[in-house]
N, C-alpha and C. Protein backbone atom coordinates (compact mmCIF):
# COMPACT_ATOMS: atom_id res chain seq x y z
N MET A 1 84.88 51.69 118.43
CA MET A 1 86.27 51.83 118.81
C MET A 1 87.14 51.54 117.59
N ILE A 2 88.10 52.42 117.36
CA ILE A 2 88.98 52.27 116.21
C ILE A 2 90.27 51.62 116.67
N ILE A 3 90.62 50.57 115.96
CA ILE A 3 91.87 49.87 116.27
C ILE A 3 92.84 50.16 115.15
N LEU A 4 94.00 50.73 115.51
CA LEU A 4 95.02 51.06 114.52
C LEU A 4 96.06 49.95 114.49
N GLY A 5 96.31 49.49 113.29
CA GLY A 5 97.35 48.50 113.13
C GLY A 5 98.70 49.17 112.97
N ASN A 6 99.74 48.38 112.91
CA ASN A 6 101.11 48.88 112.78
C ASN A 6 101.28 49.63 111.46
N SER A 7 100.68 49.13 110.36
CA SER A 7 100.82 49.79 109.06
C SER A 7 100.05 51.11 109.03
N ASN A 8 98.91 51.19 109.75
CA ASN A 8 98.16 52.45 109.81
C ASN A 8 98.96 53.53 110.53
N ILE A 9 99.62 53.17 111.59
CA ILE A 9 100.43 54.14 112.34
C ILE A 9 101.58 54.62 111.47
N LYS A 10 102.20 53.73 110.72
CA LYS A 10 103.31 54.12 109.82
C LYS A 10 102.80 55.08 108.74
N ASN A 11 101.62 54.80 108.18
CA ASN A 11 101.05 55.68 107.16
C ASN A 11 100.75 57.07 107.72
N ILE A 12 100.21 57.10 108.92
CA ILE A 12 99.92 58.39 109.56
C ILE A 12 101.21 59.16 109.83
N LEU A 13 102.24 58.48 110.32
CA LEU A 13 103.53 59.13 110.57
C LEU A 13 104.15 59.64 109.27
N ARG A 14 104.09 58.86 108.21
CA ARG A 14 104.62 59.30 106.91
C ARG A 14 103.89 60.56 106.43
N PHE A 15 102.56 60.54 106.56
CA PHE A 15 101.77 61.69 106.15
C PHE A 15 102.14 62.93 106.96
N LEU A 16 102.28 62.78 108.27
CA LEU A 16 102.65 63.91 109.13
C LEU A 16 104.04 64.45 108.80
N ILE A 17 104.99 63.57 108.56
CA ILE A 17 106.36 63.99 108.23
C ILE A 17 106.38 64.70 106.88
N LYS A 18 105.68 64.15 105.89
CA LYS A 18 105.63 64.79 104.57
C LYS A 18 104.95 66.16 104.65
N SER A 19 103.89 66.25 105.43
CA SER A 19 103.19 67.52 105.60
C SER A 19 104.08 68.56 106.28
N LEU A 20 104.79 68.14 107.29
CA LEU A 20 105.70 69.03 108.00
C LEU A 20 106.83 69.50 107.09
N LEU A 21 107.40 68.61 106.30
CA LEU A 21 108.45 68.98 105.35
C LEU A 21 107.93 69.95 104.29
N ALA A 22 106.73 69.70 103.80
CA ALA A 22 106.15 70.60 102.80
C ALA A 22 105.95 71.99 103.40
N LEU A 23 105.49 72.07 104.64
CA LEU A 23 105.30 73.34 105.31
C LEU A 23 106.63 74.07 105.49
N LEU A 24 107.67 73.35 105.87
CA LEU A 24 108.99 73.95 106.03
C LEU A 24 109.53 74.48 104.70
N VAL A 25 109.30 73.76 103.61
CA VAL A 25 109.75 74.21 102.29
C VAL A 25 109.02 75.50 101.90
N VAL A 26 107.72 75.54 102.13
CA VAL A 26 106.95 76.74 101.81
C VAL A 26 107.45 77.93 102.63
N ILE A 27 107.70 77.74 103.91
CA ILE A 27 108.20 78.82 104.77
C ILE A 27 109.58 79.28 104.30
N ALA A 28 110.43 78.35 103.85
CA ALA A 28 111.76 78.71 103.36
C ALA A 28 111.70 79.47 102.04
N ILE A 29 110.71 79.19 101.22
CA ILE A 29 110.59 79.83 99.90
C ILE A 29 109.97 81.22 99.99
N LEU A 30 109.14 81.48 100.99
CA LEU A 30 108.41 82.74 101.09
C LEU A 30 109.29 83.99 100.95
N PRO A 31 110.42 84.11 101.66
CA PRO A 31 111.24 85.33 101.48
C PRO A 31 111.74 85.51 100.05
N PHE A 32 112.02 84.45 99.35
CA PHE A 32 112.53 84.55 97.98
C PHE A 32 111.43 84.95 97.00
N MET A 33 110.17 84.76 97.39
CA MET A 33 109.08 85.16 96.52
C MET A 33 109.00 86.68 96.39
N LEU A 34 109.60 87.41 97.35
CA LEU A 34 109.61 88.87 97.27
C LEU A 34 110.44 89.38 96.08
N TYR A 35 111.22 88.52 95.47
CA TYR A 35 112.01 88.92 94.31
C TYR A 35 111.24 88.74 93.00
N ILE A 36 110.03 88.24 93.07
CA ILE A 36 109.18 88.09 91.89
C ILE A 36 108.41 89.40 91.69
N PRO A 37 108.52 90.02 90.51
CA PRO A 37 107.90 91.33 90.29
C PRO A 37 106.41 91.39 90.62
N ARG A 38 105.64 90.39 90.28
CA ARG A 38 104.19 90.41 90.58
C ARG A 38 103.95 90.42 92.09
N VAL A 39 104.76 89.68 92.83
CA VAL A 39 104.63 89.65 94.28
C VAL A 39 105.04 91.01 94.85
N GLN A 40 106.09 91.61 94.30
CA GLN A 40 106.52 92.94 94.73
C GLN A 40 105.40 93.96 94.53
N GLU A 41 104.73 93.89 93.40
CA GLU A 41 103.62 94.81 93.10
C GLU A 41 102.48 94.63 94.10
N TRP A 42 102.17 93.39 94.41
CA TRP A 42 101.10 93.08 95.35
C TRP A 42 101.45 93.59 96.75
N VAL A 43 102.69 93.33 97.20
CA VAL A 43 103.14 93.78 98.52
C VAL A 43 103.18 95.31 98.57
N LYS A 44 103.64 95.94 97.48
CA LYS A 44 103.68 97.42 97.40
C LYS A 44 102.30 98.00 97.64
N ASP A 45 101.30 97.46 96.98
CA ASP A 45 99.93 97.98 97.13
C ASP A 45 99.43 97.83 98.57
N ILE A 46 99.72 96.71 99.19
CA ILE A 46 99.30 96.49 100.59
C ILE A 46 100.00 97.47 101.52
N VAL A 47 101.32 97.62 101.36
CA VAL A 47 102.10 98.50 102.24
C VAL A 47 101.66 99.96 102.07
N ILE A 48 101.48 100.40 100.82
CA ILE A 48 101.05 101.78 100.58
C ILE A 48 99.69 102.03 101.22
N SER A 49 98.78 101.10 101.11
CA SER A 49 97.45 101.24 101.71
C SER A 49 97.55 101.38 103.23
N LYS A 50 98.33 100.51 103.86
CA LYS A 50 98.45 100.55 105.32
C LYS A 50 99.14 101.82 105.79
N VAL A 51 100.22 102.23 105.11
CA VAL A 51 100.94 103.45 105.51
C VAL A 51 100.05 104.67 105.30
N SER A 52 99.31 104.71 104.21
CA SER A 52 98.40 105.83 103.96
C SER A 52 97.33 105.93 105.05
N GLN A 53 96.77 104.79 105.43
CA GLN A 53 95.76 104.78 106.49
C GLN A 53 96.34 105.26 107.81
N THR A 54 97.54 104.81 108.14
CA THR A 54 98.15 105.11 109.42
C THR A 54 98.59 106.57 109.51
N THR A 55 99.18 107.11 108.45
CA THR A 55 99.76 108.45 108.49
C THR A 55 98.83 109.55 108.00
N GLY A 56 97.80 109.19 107.24
CA GLY A 56 96.92 110.19 106.66
C GLY A 56 97.50 110.82 105.40
N LEU A 57 98.61 110.30 104.93
CA LEU A 57 99.24 110.80 103.71
C LEU A 57 98.71 110.03 102.50
N ASP A 58 98.62 110.71 101.37
CA ASP A 58 98.25 110.05 100.12
C ASP A 58 99.55 109.70 99.41
N ILE A 59 99.83 108.42 99.28
CA ILE A 59 101.10 107.95 98.73
C ILE A 59 100.85 107.18 97.45
N SER A 60 101.66 107.49 96.43
CA SER A 60 101.60 106.70 95.20
C SER A 60 103.02 106.41 94.74
N ILE A 61 103.20 105.20 94.27
CA ILE A 61 104.49 104.74 93.76
C ILE A 61 104.21 103.96 92.50
N ASP A 62 104.92 104.30 91.42
CA ASP A 62 104.72 103.57 90.16
C ASP A 62 105.28 102.16 90.22
N ARG A 63 106.52 102.05 90.71
CA ARG A 63 107.16 100.74 90.64
C ARG A 63 108.16 100.58 91.78
N ILE A 64 108.20 99.39 92.32
CA ILE A 64 109.21 99.02 93.31
C ILE A 64 109.93 97.80 92.75
N LEU A 65 111.24 97.83 92.82
CA LEU A 65 112.04 96.71 92.33
C LEU A 65 113.03 96.31 93.41
N LEU A 66 112.92 95.08 93.88
CA LEU A 66 113.85 94.53 94.87
C LEU A 66 114.75 93.55 94.15
N LYS A 67 116.06 93.84 94.20
CA LYS A 67 117.05 92.96 93.57
C LYS A 67 117.83 92.25 94.67
N PHE A 68 118.36 91.07 94.34
CA PHE A 68 119.07 90.27 95.32
C PHE A 68 120.41 90.89 95.64
N PRO A 69 120.86 90.94 96.88
CA PRO A 69 120.16 90.49 98.07
C PRO A 69 119.20 91.55 98.62
N LEU A 70 119.63 92.80 98.76
CA LEU A 70 118.73 93.82 99.31
C LEU A 70 118.96 95.17 98.65
N GLU A 71 118.78 95.21 97.36
CA GLU A 71 118.88 96.47 96.61
C GLU A 71 117.47 96.87 96.19
N LEU A 72 117.02 97.99 96.71
CA LEU A 72 115.65 98.44 96.50
C LEU A 72 115.64 99.71 95.66
N GLU A 73 114.81 99.73 94.62
CA GLU A 73 114.60 100.91 93.80
C GLU A 73 113.12 101.25 93.80
N VAL A 74 112.82 102.53 93.99
CA VAL A 74 111.44 103.01 94.00
C VAL A 74 111.34 104.10 92.94
N ASP A 75 110.44 103.93 91.98
CA ASP A 75 110.30 104.86 90.87
C ASP A 75 109.02 105.68 91.01
N ASN A 76 109.15 106.98 90.69
CA ASN A 76 108.02 107.91 90.63
C ASN A 76 107.16 107.87 91.89
N THR A 77 107.75 108.40 92.95
CA THR A 77 107.09 108.46 94.25
C THR A 77 106.43 109.81 94.43
N LEU A 78 105.22 109.80 94.95
CA LEU A 78 104.49 111.03 95.23
C LEU A 78 103.82 110.88 96.59
N VAL A 79 104.11 111.83 97.51
CA VAL A 79 103.51 111.83 98.84
C VAL A 79 102.81 113.17 99.01
N ILE A 80 101.49 113.12 99.26
CA ILE A 80 100.68 114.32 99.42
C ILE A 80 100.10 114.34 100.83
N GLU A 81 100.25 115.47 101.49
CA GLU A 81 99.74 115.63 102.85
C GLU A 81 98.21 115.73 102.84
N ALA A 82 97.62 115.61 104.03
CA ALA A 82 96.17 115.70 104.16
C ALA A 82 95.65 117.06 103.68
N SER A 83 96.48 118.10 103.79
CA SER A 83 96.09 119.44 103.34
C SER A 83 96.19 119.57 101.82
N ARG A 84 96.53 118.48 101.14
CA ARG A 84 96.68 118.37 99.68
C ARG A 84 97.94 119.06 99.16
N ASP A 85 98.88 119.40 100.04
CA ASP A 85 100.17 119.92 99.61
C ASP A 85 101.09 118.74 99.29
N THR A 86 101.89 118.90 98.24
CA THR A 86 102.85 117.85 97.88
C THR A 86 104.02 117.90 98.85
N MET A 87 104.24 116.80 99.56
CA MET A 87 105.33 116.73 100.51
C MET A 87 106.60 116.22 99.84
N LEU A 88 106.47 115.19 99.01
CA LEU A 88 107.63 114.60 98.34
C LEU A 88 107.23 114.15 96.94
N GLN A 89 108.11 114.45 96.01
CA GLN A 89 107.95 113.95 94.65
C GLN A 89 109.35 113.55 94.20
N ALA A 90 109.54 112.29 93.82
CA ALA A 90 110.87 111.82 93.43
C ALA A 90 110.76 110.90 92.23
N GLU A 91 111.68 111.09 91.29
CA GLU A 91 111.72 110.23 90.12
C GLU A 91 112.27 108.86 90.48
N LYS A 92 113.35 108.83 91.27
CA LYS A 92 113.96 107.55 91.63
C LYS A 92 114.60 107.66 93.00
N ILE A 93 114.33 106.66 93.84
CA ILE A 93 114.96 106.53 95.15
C ILE A 93 115.53 105.12 95.21
N GLY A 94 116.78 105.00 95.59
CA GLY A 94 117.41 103.68 95.66
C GLY A 94 118.24 103.51 96.90
N ILE A 95 118.28 102.28 97.40
CA ILE A 95 119.12 101.96 98.54
C ILE A 95 119.61 100.53 98.39
N ASP A 96 120.87 100.32 98.72
CA ASP A 96 121.48 98.99 98.68
C ASP A 96 122.00 98.69 100.08
N VAL A 97 121.44 97.68 100.73
CA VAL A 97 121.75 97.35 102.12
C VAL A 97 122.51 96.02 102.15
N LYS A 98 123.52 95.95 103.01
CA LYS A 98 124.26 94.69 103.19
C LYS A 98 123.39 93.72 103.98
N LEU A 99 123.42 92.45 103.57
CA LEU A 99 122.53 91.44 104.15
C LEU A 99 122.99 90.94 105.52
N LEU A 100 124.24 90.54 105.65
CA LEU A 100 124.70 89.90 106.89
C LEU A 100 124.61 90.79 108.13
N PRO A 101 124.95 92.08 108.06
CA PRO A 101 124.82 92.90 109.27
C PRO A 101 123.38 93.00 109.79
N LEU A 102 122.39 92.79 108.94
CA LEU A 102 120.99 92.85 109.40
C LEU A 102 120.70 91.78 110.45
N LEU A 103 121.41 90.67 110.39
CA LEU A 103 121.21 89.62 111.38
C LEU A 103 121.61 90.07 112.77
N ARG A 104 122.51 91.08 112.84
CA ARG A 104 122.93 91.66 114.12
C ARG A 104 122.18 92.96 114.41
N LEU A 105 121.08 93.20 113.69
CA LEU A 105 120.27 94.42 113.81
C LEU A 105 121.07 95.67 113.49
N ASP A 106 122.03 95.55 112.60
CA ASP A 106 122.86 96.66 112.17
C ASP A 106 122.57 96.90 110.69
N VAL A 107 122.06 98.08 110.35
CA VAL A 107 121.74 98.41 108.97
C VAL A 107 122.99 99.02 108.34
N ALA A 108 123.64 98.27 107.47
CA ALA A 108 124.83 98.75 106.79
C ALA A 108 124.45 99.06 105.34
N VAL A 109 124.49 100.34 105.01
CA VAL A 109 124.10 100.80 103.68
C VAL A 109 125.32 100.84 102.78
N LYS A 110 125.26 100.07 101.68
CA LYS A 110 126.33 100.13 100.68
C LYS A 110 126.24 101.43 99.91
N SER A 111 125.02 101.77 99.48
CA SER A 111 124.81 103.00 98.74
C SER A 111 123.35 103.40 98.82
N ALA A 112 123.12 104.71 98.67
CA ALA A 112 121.77 105.25 98.60
C ALA A 112 121.80 106.38 97.59
N ASN A 113 120.71 106.53 96.86
CA ASN A 113 120.67 107.59 95.87
C ASN A 113 119.25 108.09 95.66
N VAL A 114 119.17 109.36 95.30
CA VAL A 114 117.90 110.01 94.99
C VAL A 114 118.12 110.82 93.73
N ARG A 115 117.16 110.76 92.83
CA ARG A 115 117.28 111.51 91.58
C ARG A 115 115.99 112.29 91.32
N ASN A 116 116.16 113.57 90.98
CA ASN A 116 115.05 114.46 90.64
C ASN A 116 113.94 114.41 91.68
N ALA A 117 114.26 114.92 92.87
CA ALA A 117 113.30 114.91 93.97
C ALA A 117 113.01 116.32 94.44
N LYS A 118 111.78 116.50 94.89
CA LYS A 118 111.36 117.76 95.50
C LYS A 118 110.70 117.43 96.83
N TYR A 119 111.11 118.19 97.83
CA TYR A 119 110.56 118.00 99.18
C TYR A 119 110.05 119.34 99.67
N ARG A 120 108.89 119.34 100.30
CA ARG A 120 108.31 120.56 100.84
C ARG A 120 107.59 120.24 102.14
N MET A 121 107.92 121.02 103.19
CA MET A 121 107.26 120.82 104.47
C MET A 121 106.90 122.19 105.05
N LEU A 122 105.67 122.34 105.44
CA LEU A 122 105.19 123.55 106.08
C LEU A 122 104.75 123.18 107.49
N SER A 123 105.27 123.91 108.50
CA SER A 123 104.89 123.60 109.88
C SER A 123 103.40 123.85 110.09
N ALA A 124 102.86 123.23 111.11
CA ALA A 124 101.42 123.32 111.38
C ALA A 124 100.96 124.75 111.60
N ASP A 125 101.82 125.59 112.20
CA ASP A 125 101.43 126.99 112.45
C ASP A 125 101.93 127.94 111.36
N SER A 126 102.43 127.38 110.27
CA SER A 126 102.92 128.14 109.11
C SER A 126 104.09 129.06 109.43
N SER A 127 104.81 128.77 110.50
CA SER A 127 105.94 129.61 110.86
C SER A 127 107.23 129.20 110.14
N MET A 128 107.26 128.02 109.57
CA MET A 128 108.45 127.56 108.90
C MET A 128 108.09 126.82 107.61
N LEU A 129 108.81 127.11 106.56
CA LEU A 129 108.65 126.42 105.29
C LEU A 129 110.01 125.88 104.89
N LEU A 130 110.07 124.58 104.67
CA LEU A 130 111.32 123.93 104.25
C LEU A 130 111.10 123.35 102.87
N LYS A 131 111.96 123.76 101.94
CA LYS A 131 111.88 123.24 100.57
C LYS A 131 113.25 122.72 100.16
N ALA A 132 113.24 121.67 99.37
CA ALA A 132 114.49 121.14 98.82
C ALA A 132 114.21 120.61 97.41
N HIS A 133 115.12 120.90 96.52
CA HIS A 133 115.07 120.34 95.17
C HIS A 133 116.40 119.62 94.96
N ILE A 134 116.34 118.32 94.77
CA ILE A 134 117.54 117.50 94.66
C ILE A 134 117.60 116.92 93.26
N ASN A 135 118.60 117.34 92.50
CA ASN A 135 118.79 116.76 91.17
C ASN A 135 119.42 115.38 91.27
N LYS A 136 120.46 115.28 92.11
CA LYS A 136 121.14 114.00 92.26
C LYS A 136 121.81 113.96 93.63
N PHE A 137 121.53 112.88 94.38
CA PHE A 137 122.13 112.67 95.69
C PHE A 137 122.63 111.24 95.74
N GLU A 138 123.88 111.07 96.20
CA GLU A 138 124.44 109.72 96.34
C GLU A 138 125.17 109.61 97.66
N LEU A 139 124.94 108.50 98.35
CA LEU A 139 125.64 108.18 99.59
C LEU A 139 126.40 106.90 99.33
N ALA A 140 127.71 106.93 99.57
CA ALA A 140 128.53 105.77 99.23
C ALA A 140 128.51 104.69 100.31
N VAL A 141 128.76 105.03 101.56
CA VAL A 141 128.85 104.02 102.62
C VAL A 141 128.33 104.64 103.92
N GLY A 142 127.67 103.81 104.71
CA GLY A 142 127.22 104.29 106.01
C GLY A 142 126.68 103.14 106.84
N ASN A 143 126.61 103.33 108.17
CA ASN A 143 126.07 102.34 109.08
C ASN A 143 125.07 102.99 110.01
N LEU A 144 124.04 102.26 110.37
CA LEU A 144 123.05 102.71 111.32
C LEU A 144 122.89 101.61 112.36
N ASP A 145 123.28 101.90 113.58
CA ASP A 145 123.23 100.89 114.65
C ASP A 145 121.83 100.86 115.25
N ARG A 146 121.08 99.76 115.05
CA ARG A 146 119.71 99.64 115.53
C ARG A 146 119.65 98.94 116.89
N LYS A 147 120.80 98.56 117.44
CA LYS A 147 120.81 97.84 118.72
C LYS A 147 120.51 98.76 119.90
N SER A 148 120.89 100.02 119.79
CA SER A 148 120.71 100.92 120.94
C SER A 148 119.44 101.74 120.82
């Protein structure tokens, strides 16, 4: 039988409180780690792998850069369909999203831009072919309501 003294209980409580605080600090720091380039590269590889598996598309991206608070740049994107046709090729895709509206599930875009992009889609029965070549596209302001 183990008998705990008053000092042992205090030590156990101190250890539990310190452990809980350390866990809370780690959880608070995790979102900010996404701004570290090495972490961004690691997350990019995981996301591309999962999206490729789910959609059957072959996706490659040279670089993703997330700037504070939510400005995302994607460089040299290539999306190839299962039929080996190029669906999307873009030199640069960027989007800047406002942070506070996201808490209300409202995506407020400050700006979006695409540079040197080619898009091609062929319907499954080959009845329609859609092609686009975009040298430069910029969107200044917009909102997307995700609540409904």
